[in-house]
Amino acid sequence: MMSFERVLDYIVAEPFCPFRLKLASGQTFDVRNPDLIYVGIKSVDMYGAAGSDETEKWHRIPLAQIDALEPFDNATATLN
């Protein structure tokens, strides 16, 4: 399970680096703007498109479903 502190570290990083949330289901969410993601103790709310679906909307993602955070500048590195 991903901790909310770990996600917050990515969001408040200076300078902000876009990153990808990878879920256990294989679904991915790209975080390109830190103002469009909110982290709670048990879930993340973010605005954007999911994977190949181009429809942007709000998504609630339980932290327990997040397997990894992957920075865009190093797509082969997976951080847990």
PDB file of N, CA and C in Angstrom:
ATOM      1  N   MET A   1       0.842  -1.186   0.000  1.00  0.00           N
ATOM      2  CA  MET A   1       0.000   0.000   0.000  1.00  0.00           C
ATOM      3  C   MET A   1       0.884   1.245   0.000  1.00  0.00           C
ATOM      4  N   MET A   2       0.522   2.206  -0.812  1.00  0.00           N
ATOM      5  CA  MET A   2       1.245   3.468  -0.894  1.00  0.00           C
ATOM      6  C   MET A   2       0.827   4.348   0.284  1.00  0.00           C
ATOM      7  N   SER A   3       1.772   5.016   0.903  1.00  0.00           N
ATOM      8  CA  SER A   3       1.447   5.923   2.007  1.00  0.00           C
ATOM      9  C   SER A   3       1.115   7.307   1.446  1.00  0.00           C
ATOM     10  N   PHE A   4       0.270   8.038   2.171  1.00  0.00           N
ATOM     11  CA  PHE A   4      -0.068   9.374   1.713  1.00  0.00           C
ATOM     12  C   PHE A   4       1.153  10.295   1.781  1.00  0.00           C
ATOM     13  N   GLU A   5       2.070  10.018   2.709  1.00  0.00           N
ATOM     14  CA  GLU A   5       3.282  10.822   2.799  1.00  0.00           C
ATOM     15  C   GLU A   5       4.133  10.698   1.534  1.00  0.00           C
ATOM     16  N   ARG A   6       4.203   9.494   0.995  1.00  0.00           N
ATOM     17  CA  ARG A   6       4.996   9.252  -0.225  1.00  0.00           C
ATOM     18  C   ARG A   6       4.416  10.028  -1.410  1.00  0.00           C
ATOM     19  N   VAL A   7       3.091  10.010  -1.542  1.00  0.00           N
ATOM     20  CA  VAL A   7       2.440  10.759  -2.631  1.00  0.00           C
ATOM     21  C   VAL A   7       2.656  12.257  -2.426  1.00  0.00           C
ATOM     22  N   LEU A   8       2.525  12.724  -1.194  1.00  0.00           N
ATOM     23  CA  LEU A   8       2.742  14.143  -0.901  1.00  0.00           C
ATOM     24  C   LEU A   8       4.151  14.582  -1.248  1.00  0.00           C
ATOM     25  N   ASP A   9       5.127  13.719  -1.016  1.00  0.00           N
ATOM     26  CA  ASP A   9       6.510  14.048  -1.364  1.00  0.00           C
ATOM     27  C   ASP A   9       6.632  14.408  -2.842  1.00  0.00           C
ATOM     28  N   TYR A  10       5.929  13.678  -3.694  1.00  0.00           N
ATOM     29  CA  TYR A  10       5.963  13.951  -5.134  1.00  0.00           C
ATOM     30  C   TYR A  10       5.238  15.254  -5.467  1.00  0.00           C
ATOM     31  N   ILE A  11       4.133  15.517  -4.780  1.00  0.00           N
ATOM     32  CA  ILE A  11       3.312  16.687  -5.093  1.00  0.00           C
ATOM     33  C   ILE A  11       3.997  17.987  -4.678  1.00  0.00           C
ATOM     34  N   VAL A  12       4.656  17.996  -3.531  1.00  0.00           N
ATOM     35  CA  VAL A  12       5.259  19.237  -3.019  1.00  0.00           C
ATOM     36  C   VAL A  12       6.718  19.405  -3.424  1.00  0.00           C
ATOM     37  N   ALA A  13       7.244  18.489  -4.211  1.00  0.00           N
ATOM     38  CA  ALA A  13       8.642  18.586  -4.638  1.00  0.00           C
ATOM     39  C   ALA A  13       8.881  19.896  -5.375  1.00  0.00           C
ATOM     40  N   GLU A  14      10.029  20.501  -5.111  1.00  0.00           N
ATOM     41  CA  GLU A  14      10.433  21.741  -5.785  1.00  0.00           C
ATOM     42  C   GLU A  14      11.690  21.478  -6.585  1.00  0.00           C
ATOM     43  N   PRO A  15      11.682  21.619  -7.871  1.00  0.00           N
ATOM     44  CA  PRO A  15      10.519  21.923  -8.696  1.00  0.00           C
ATOM     45  C   PRO A  15       9.639  20.683  -8.863  1.00  0.00           C
ATOM     46  N   PHE A  16       8.364  20.932  -9.168  1.00  0.00           N
ATOM     47  CA  PHE A  16       7.431  19.824  -9.384  1.00  0.00           C
ATOM     48  C   PHE A  16       7.833  19.060 -10.632  1.00  0.00           C
ATOM     49  N   CYS A  17       7.823  17.751 -10.535  1.00  0.00           N
ATOM     50  CA  CYS A  17       8.121  16.856 -11.666  1.00  0.00           C
ATOM     51  C   CYS A  17       6.874  16.018 -11.942  1.00  0.00           C
ATOM     52  N   PRO A  18       6.290  16.092 -13.129  1.00  0.00           N
ATOM     53  CA  PRO A  18       5.122  15.248 -13.435  1.00  0.00           C
ATOM     54  C   PRO A  18       5.438  13.773 -13.178  1.00  0.00           C
ATOM     55  N   PHE A  19       4.414  13.040 -12.739  1.00  0.00           N
ATOM     56  CA  PHE A  19       4.609  11.626 -12.430  1.00  0.00           C
ATOM     57  C   PHE A  19       3.369  10.825 -12.766  1.00  0.00           C
ATOM     58  N   ARG A  20       3.513   9.527 -12.733  1.00  0.00           N
ATOM     59  CA  ARG A  20       2.427   8.610 -13.078  1.00  0.00           C
ATOM     60  C   ARG A  20       2.096   7.749 -11.861  1.00  0.00           C
ATOM     61  N   LEU A  21       0.807   7.609 -11.573  1.00  0.00           N
ATOM     62  CA  LEU A  21       0.334   6.664 -10.568  1.00  0.00           C
ATOM     63  C   LEU A  21       0.045   5.351 -11.281  1.00  0.00           C
ATOM     64  N   LYS A  22       0.616   4.266 -10.798  1.00  0.00           N
ATOM     65  CA  LYS A  22       0.354   2.946 -11.385  1.00  0.00           C
ATOM     66  C   LYS A  22      -0.434   2.131 -10.367  1.00  0.00           C
ATOM     67  N   LEU A  23      -1.603   1.653 -10.791  1.00  0.00           N
ATOM     68  CA  LEU A  23      -2.477   0.893  -9.908  1.00  0.00           C
ATOM     69  C   LEU A  23      -2.263  -0.602 -10.062  1.00  0.00           C
ATOM     70  N   ALA A  24      -2.691  -1.347  -9.059  1.00  0.00           N
ATOM     71  CA  ALA A  24      -2.571  -2.803  -9.084  1.00  0.00           C
ATOM     72  C   ALA A  24      -3.320  -3.392 -10.276  1.00  0.00           C
ATOM     73  N   SER A  25      -4.372  -2.734 -10.725  1.00  0.00           N
ATOM     74  CA  SER A  25      -5.177  -3.216 -11.860  1.00  0.00           C
ATOM     75  C   SER A  25      -4.477  -3.020 -13.200  1.00  0.00           C
ATOM     76  N   GLY A  26      -3.369  -2.257 -13.199  1.00  0.00           N
ATOM     77  CA  GLY A  26      -2.680  -1.942 -14.444  1.00  0.00           C
ATOM     78  C   GLY A  26      -3.047  -0.571 -14.982  1.00  0.00           C
ATOM     79  N   GLN A  27      -4.084   0.039 -14.445  1.00  0.00           N
ATOM     80  CA  GLN A  27      -4.511   1.366 -14.863  1.00  0.00           C
ATOM     81  C   GLN A  27      -3.471   2.401 -14.422  1.00  0.00           C
ATOM     82  N   THR A  28      -3.326   3.461 -15.201  1.00  0.00           N
ATOM     83  CA  THR A  28      -2.384   4.521 -14.875  1.00  0.00           C
ATOM     84  C   THR A  28      -3.072   5.878 -14.906  1.00  0.00           C
ATOM     85  N   PHE A  29      -2.560   6.784 -14.099  1.00  0.00           N
ATOM     86  CA  PHE A  29      -3.028   8.166 -14.058  1.00  0.00           C
ATOM     87  C   PHE A  29      -1.810   9.064 -14.131  1.00  0.00           C
ATOM     88  N   ASP A  30      -1.805  10.016 -15.049  1.00  0.00           N
ATOM     89  CA  ASP A  30      -0.700  10.959 -15.189  1.00  0.00           C
ATOM     90  C   ASP A  30      -1.003  12.224 -14.395  1.00  0.00           C
ATOM     91  N   VAL A  31      -0.090  12.591 -13.530  1.00  0.00           N
ATOM     92  CA  VAL A  31      -0.236  13.795 -12.711  1.00  0.00           C
ATOM     93  C   VAL A  31       0.699  14.848 -13.300  1.00  0.00           C
ATOM     94  N   ARG A  32       0.117  15.825 -13.992  1.00  0.00           N
ATOM     95  CA  ARG A  32       0.902  16.852 -14.675  1.00  0.00           C
ATOM     96  C   ARG A  32       0.839  18.209 -13.971  1.00  0.00           C
ATOM     97  N   ASN A  33      -0.092  18.341 -13.029  1.00  0.00           N
ATOM     98  CA  ASN A  33      -0.267  19.610 -12.323  1.00  0.00           C
ATOM     99  C   ASN A  33      -0.549  19.303 -10.850  1.00  0.00           C
ATOM    100  N   PRO A  34       0.260  19.812  -9.928  1.00  0.00           N
ATOM    101  CA  PRO A  34       0.062  19.494  -8.513  1.00  0.00           C
ATOM    102  C   PRO A  34      -1.214  20.107  -7.932  1.00  0.00           C
ATOM    103  N   ASP A  35      -1.821  21.061  -8.628  1.00  0.00           N
ATOM    104  CA  ASP A  35      -3.062  21.674  -8.149  1.00  0.00           C
ATOM    105  C   ASP A  35      -4.288  20.821  -8.445  1.00  0.00           C
ATOM    106  N   LEU A  36      -4.113  19.748  -9.215  1.00  0.00           N
ATOM    107  CA  LEU A  36      -5.248  18.907  -9.594  1.00  0.00           C
ATOM    108  C   LEU A  36      -5.228  17.549  -8.915  1.00  0.00           C
ATOM    109  N   ILE A  37      -4.519  17.442  -7.793  1.00  0.00           N
ATOM    110  CA  ILE A  37      -4.491  16.201  -7.027  1.00  0.00           C
ATOM    111  C   ILE A  37      -4.541  16.554  -5.544  1.00  0.00           C
ATOM    112  N   TYR A  38      -5.396  15.867  -4.821  1.00  0.00           N
ATOM    113  CA  TYR A  38      -5.567  16.074  -3.387  1.00  0.00           C
ATOM    114  C   TYR A  38      -5.366  14.744  -2.682  1.00  0.00           C
ATOM    115  N   VAL A  39      -4.544  14.758  -1.652  1.00  0.00           N
ATOM    116  CA  VAL A  39      -4.207  13.523  -0.951  1.00  0.00           C
ATOM    117  C   VAL A  39      -4.872  13.505   0.416  1.00  0.00           C
ATOM    118  N   GLY A  40      -5.581  12.419   0.679  1.00  0.00           N
ATOM    119  CA  GLY A  40      -6.160  12.182   1.997  1.00  0.00           C
ATOM    120  C   GLY A  40      -5.414  11.051   2.671  1.00  0.00           C
ATOM    121  N   ILE A  41      -5.862  10.683   3.836  1.00  0.00           N
ATOM    122  CA  ILE A  41      -5.195   9.622   4.590  1.00  0.00           C
ATOM    123  C   ILE A  41      -5.386   8.258   3.929  1.00  0.00           C
ATOM    124  N   LYS A  42      -6.544   8.042   3.277  1.00  0.00           N
ATOM    125  CA  LYS A  42      -6.826   6.732   2.687  1.00  0.00           C
ATOM    126  C   LYS A  42      -6.998   6.748   1.174  1.00  0.00           C
ATOM    127  N   SER A  43      -7.077   7.947   0.568  1.00  0.00           N
ATOM    128  CA  SER A  43      -7.303   7.998  -0.878  1.00  0.00           C
ATOM    129  C   SER A  43      -6.726   9.273  -1.473  1.00  0.00           C
ATOM    130  N   VAL A  44      -6.669   9.278  -2.801  1.00  0.00           N
ATOM    131  CA  VAL A  44      -6.216  10.420  -3.587  1.00  0.00           C
ATOM    132  C   VAL A  44      -7.365  10.808  -4.504  1.00  0.00           C
ATOM    133  N   ASP A  45      -7.666  12.094  -4.571  1.00  0.00           N
ATOM    134  CA  ASP A  45      -8.623  12.612  -5.547  1.00  0.00           C
ATOM    135  C   ASP A  45      -7.825  13.376  -6.576  1.00  0.00           C
ATOM    136  N   MET A  46      -8.026  13.044  -7.842  1.00  0.00           N
ATOM    137  CA  MET A  46      -7.298  13.759  -8.886  1.00  0.00           C
ATOM    138  C   MET A  46      -8.184  13.980 -10.100  1.00  0.00           C
ATOM    139  N   TYR A  47      -7.895  15.057 -10.806  1.00  0.00           N
ATOM    140  CA  TYR A  47      -8.623  15.397 -12.018  1.00  0.00           C
ATOM    141  C   TYR A  47      -7.748  15.075 -13.213  1.00  0.00           C
ATOM    142  N   GLY A  48      -8.277  14.302 -14.122  1.00  0.00           N
ATOM    143  CA  GLY A  48      -7.534  13.967 -15.331  1.00  0.00           C
ATOM    144  C   GLY A  48      -8.130  12.770 -16.022  1.00  0.00           C
ATOM    145  N   ALA A  49      -7.435  12.330 -17.055  1.00  0.00           N
ATOM    146  CA  ALA A  49      -7.847  11.152 -17.809  1.00  0.00           C
ATOM    147  C   ALA A  49      -7.125   9.933 -17.254  1.00  0.00           C
ATOM    148  N   ALA A  50      -7.763   8.797 -17.371  1.00  0.00           N
ATOM    149  CA  ALA A  50      -7.174   7.548 -16.895  1.00  0.00           C
ATOM    150  C   ALA A  50      -6.742   6.694 -18.075  1.00  0.00           C
ATOM    151  N   GLY A  51      -5.461   6.352 -18.126  1.00  0.00           N
ATOM    152  CA  GLY A  51      -4.952   5.461 -19.171  1.00  0.00           C
ATOM    153  C   GLY A  51      -5.298   5.948 -20.565  1.00  0.00           C
ATOM    154  N   SER A  52      -5.926   5.080 -21.362  1.00  0.00           N
ATOM    155  CA  SER A  52      -6.247   5.425 -22.749  1.00  0.00           C
ATOM    156  C   SER A  52      -7.572   6.177 -22.873  1.00  0.00           C
ATOM    157  N   ASP A  53      -8.343   6.275 -21.776  1.00  0.00           N
ATOM    158  CA  ASP A  53      -9.599   7.036 -21.778  1.00  0.00           C
ATOM    159  C   ASP A  53      -9.257   8.522 -21.782  1.00  0.00           C
ATOM    160  N   GLU A  54      -9.683   9.255 -22.790  1.00  0.00           N
ATOM    161  CA  GLU A  54      -9.327  10.664 -22.917  1.00  0.00           C
ATOM    162  C   GLU A  54     -10.280  11.599 -22.182  1.00  0.00           C
ATOM    163  N   THR A  55     -11.315  11.061 -21.540  1.00  0.00           N
ATOM    164  CA  THR A  55     -12.275  11.873 -20.817  1.00  0.00           C
ATOM    165  C   THR A  55     -11.684  12.297 -19.482  1.00  0.00           C
ATOM    166  N   GLU A  56     -11.573  13.596 -19.272  1.00  0.00           N
ATOM    167  CA  GLU A  56     -11.045  14.093 -18.006  1.00  0.00           C
ATOM    168  C   GLU A  56     -12.189  14.266 -17.021  1.00  0.00           C
ATOM    169  N   LYS A  57     -11.982  13.807 -15.800  1.00  0.00           N
ATOM    170  CA  LYS A  57     -12.969  13.922 -14.733  1.00  0.00           C
ATOM    171  C   LYS A  57     -12.255  13.679 -13.406  1.00  0.00           C
ATOM    172  N   TRP A  58     -12.990  13.857 -12.303  1.00  0.00           N
ATOM    173  CA  TRP A  58     -12.429  13.581 -10.979  1.00  0.00           C
ATOM    174  C   TRP A  58     -12.443  12.087 -10.710  1.00  0.00           C
ATOM    175  N   HIS A  59     -11.359  11.588 -10.160  1.00  0.00           N
ATOM    176  CA  HIS A  59     -11.225  10.180  -9.804  1.00  0.00           C
ATOM    177  C   HIS A  59     -10.840  10.083  -8.331  1.00  0.00           C
ATOM    178  N   ARG A  60     -11.451   9.176  -7.603  1.00  0.00           N
ATOM    179  CA  ARG A  60     -11.036   8.875  -6.234  1.00  0.00           C
ATOM    180  C   ARG A  60     -10.308   7.537  -6.288  1.00  0.00           C
ATOM    181  N   ILE A  61      -9.048   7.548  -5.857  1.00  0.00           N
ATOM    182  CA  ILE A  61      -8.199   6.363  -5.944  1.00  0.00           C
ATOM    183  C   ILE A  61      -7.760   5.969  -4.533  1.00  0.00           C
ATOM    184  N   PRO A  62      -8.179   4.817  -4.049  1.00  0.00           N
ATOM    185  CA  PRO A  62      -7.713   4.370  -2.733  1.00  0.00           C
ATOM    186  C   PRO A  62      -6.200   4.144  -2.746  1.00  0.00           C
ATOM    187  N   LEU A  63      -5.513   4.617  -1.715  1.00  0.00           N
ATOM    188  CA  LEU A  63      -4.058   4.432  -1.632  1.00  0.00           C
ATOM    189  C   LEU A  63      -3.680   2.961  -1.675  1.00  0.00           C
ATOM    190  N   ALA A  64      -4.537   2.095  -1.173  1.00  0.00           N
ATOM    191  CA  ALA A  64      -4.253   0.656  -1.174  1.00  0.00           C
ATOM    192  C   ALA A  64      -4.143   0.092  -2.587  1.00  0.00           C
ATOM    193  N   GLN A  65      -4.697   0.786  -3.583  1.00  0.00           N
ATOM    194  CA  GLN A  65      -4.640   0.313  -4.965  1.00  0.00           C
ATOM    195  C   GLN A  65      -3.428   0.831  -5.736  1.00  0.00           C
ATOM    196  N   ILE A  66      -2.696   1.786  -5.161  1.00  0.00           N
ATOM    197  CA  ILE A  66      -1.543   2.359  -5.855  1.00  0.00           C
ATOM    198  C   ILE A  66      -0.324   1.477  -5.599  1.00  0.00           C
ATOM    199  N   ASP A  67       0.218   0.925  -6.676  1.00  0.00           N
ATOM    200  CA  ASP A  67       1.402   0.067  -6.591  1.00  0.00           C
ATOM    201  C   ASP A  67       2.700   0.852  -6.666  1.00  0.00           C
ATOM    202  N   ALA A  68       2.720   1.912  -7.492  1.00  0.00           N
ATOM    203  CA  ALA A  68       3.978   2.618  -7.706  1.00  0.00           C
ATOM    204  C   ALA A  68       3.737   4.039  -8.186  1.00  0.00           C
ATOM    205  N   LEU A  69       4.737   4.877  -7.962  1.00  0.00           N
ATOM    206  CA  LEU A  69       4.804   6.222  -8.520  1.00  0.00           C
ATOM    207  C   LEU A  69       5.992   6.230  -9.450  1.00  0.00           C
ATOM    208  N   GLU A  70       5.798   6.766 -10.637  1.00  0.00           N
ATOM    209  CA  GLU A  70       6.855   6.731 -11.650  1.00  0.00           C
ATOM    210  C   GLU A  70       7.054   8.127 -12.225  1.00  0.00           C
ATOM    211  N   PRO A  71       8.201   8.748 -11.992  1.00  0.00           N
ATOM    212  CA  PRO A  71       8.446  10.070 -12.581  1.00  0.00           C
ATOM    213  C   PRO A  71       8.539   9.988 -14.097  1.00  0.00           C
ATOM    214  N   PHE A  72       8.061  11.017 -14.785  1.00  0.00           N
ATOM    215  CA  PHE A  72       8.104  11.033 -16.245  1.00  0.00           C
ATOM    216  C   PHE A  72       9.517  11.110 -16.785  1.00  0.00           C
ATOM    217  N   ASP A  73      10.427  11.769 -16.068  1.00  0.00           N
ATOM    218  CA  ASP A  73      11.763  11.939 -16.602  1.00  0.00           C
ATOM    219  C   ASP A  73      12.567  10.657 -16.577  1.00  0.00           C
ATOM    220  N   ASN A  74      12.089   9.623 -15.889  1.00  0.00           N
ATOM    221  CA  ASN A  74      12.781   8.342 -15.848  1.00  0.00           C
ATOM    222  C   ASN A  74      11.732   7.235 -15.860  1.00  0.00           C
ATOM    223  N   ALA A  75      11.088   7.039 -17.010  1.00  0.00           N
ATOM    224  CA  ALA A  75       9.946   6.135 -17.128  1.00  0.00           C
ATOM    225  C   ALA A  75      10.275   4.693 -16.777  1.00  0.00           C
ATOM    226  N   THR A  76      11.541   4.328 -16.764  1.00  0.00           N
ATOM    227  CA  THR A  76      11.881   2.946 -16.446  1.00  0.00           C
ATOM    228  C   THR A  76      12.068   2.720 -14.954  1.00  0.00           C
ATOM    229  N   ALA A  77      12.188   3.803 -14.192  1.00  0.00           N
ATOM    230  CA  ALA A  77      12.372   3.661 -12.746  1.00  0.00           C
ATOM    231  C   ALA A  77      11.026   3.640 -12.059  1.00  0.00           C
ATOM    232  N   THR A  78      10.784   2.669 -11.214  1.00  0.00           N
ATOM    233  CA  THR A  78       9.553   2.578 -10.452  1.00  0.00           C
ATOM    234  C   THR A  78       9.883   2.745  -8.986  1.00  0.00           C
ATOM    235  N   LEU A  79       9.229   3.723  -8.362  1.00  0.00           N
ATOM    236  CA  LEU A  79       9.475   3.993  -6.947  1.00  0.00           C
ATOM    237  C   LEU A  79       8.313   3.466  -6.132  1.00  0.00           C
ATOM    238  N   ASN A  80       8.582   2.737  -5.093  1.00  0.00           N
ATOM    239  CA  ASN A  80       7.533   2.222  -4.200  1.00  0.00           C
ATOM    240  C   ASN A  80       7.594   2.916  -2.874  1.00  0.00           C
TER     241      ASN A  80
END
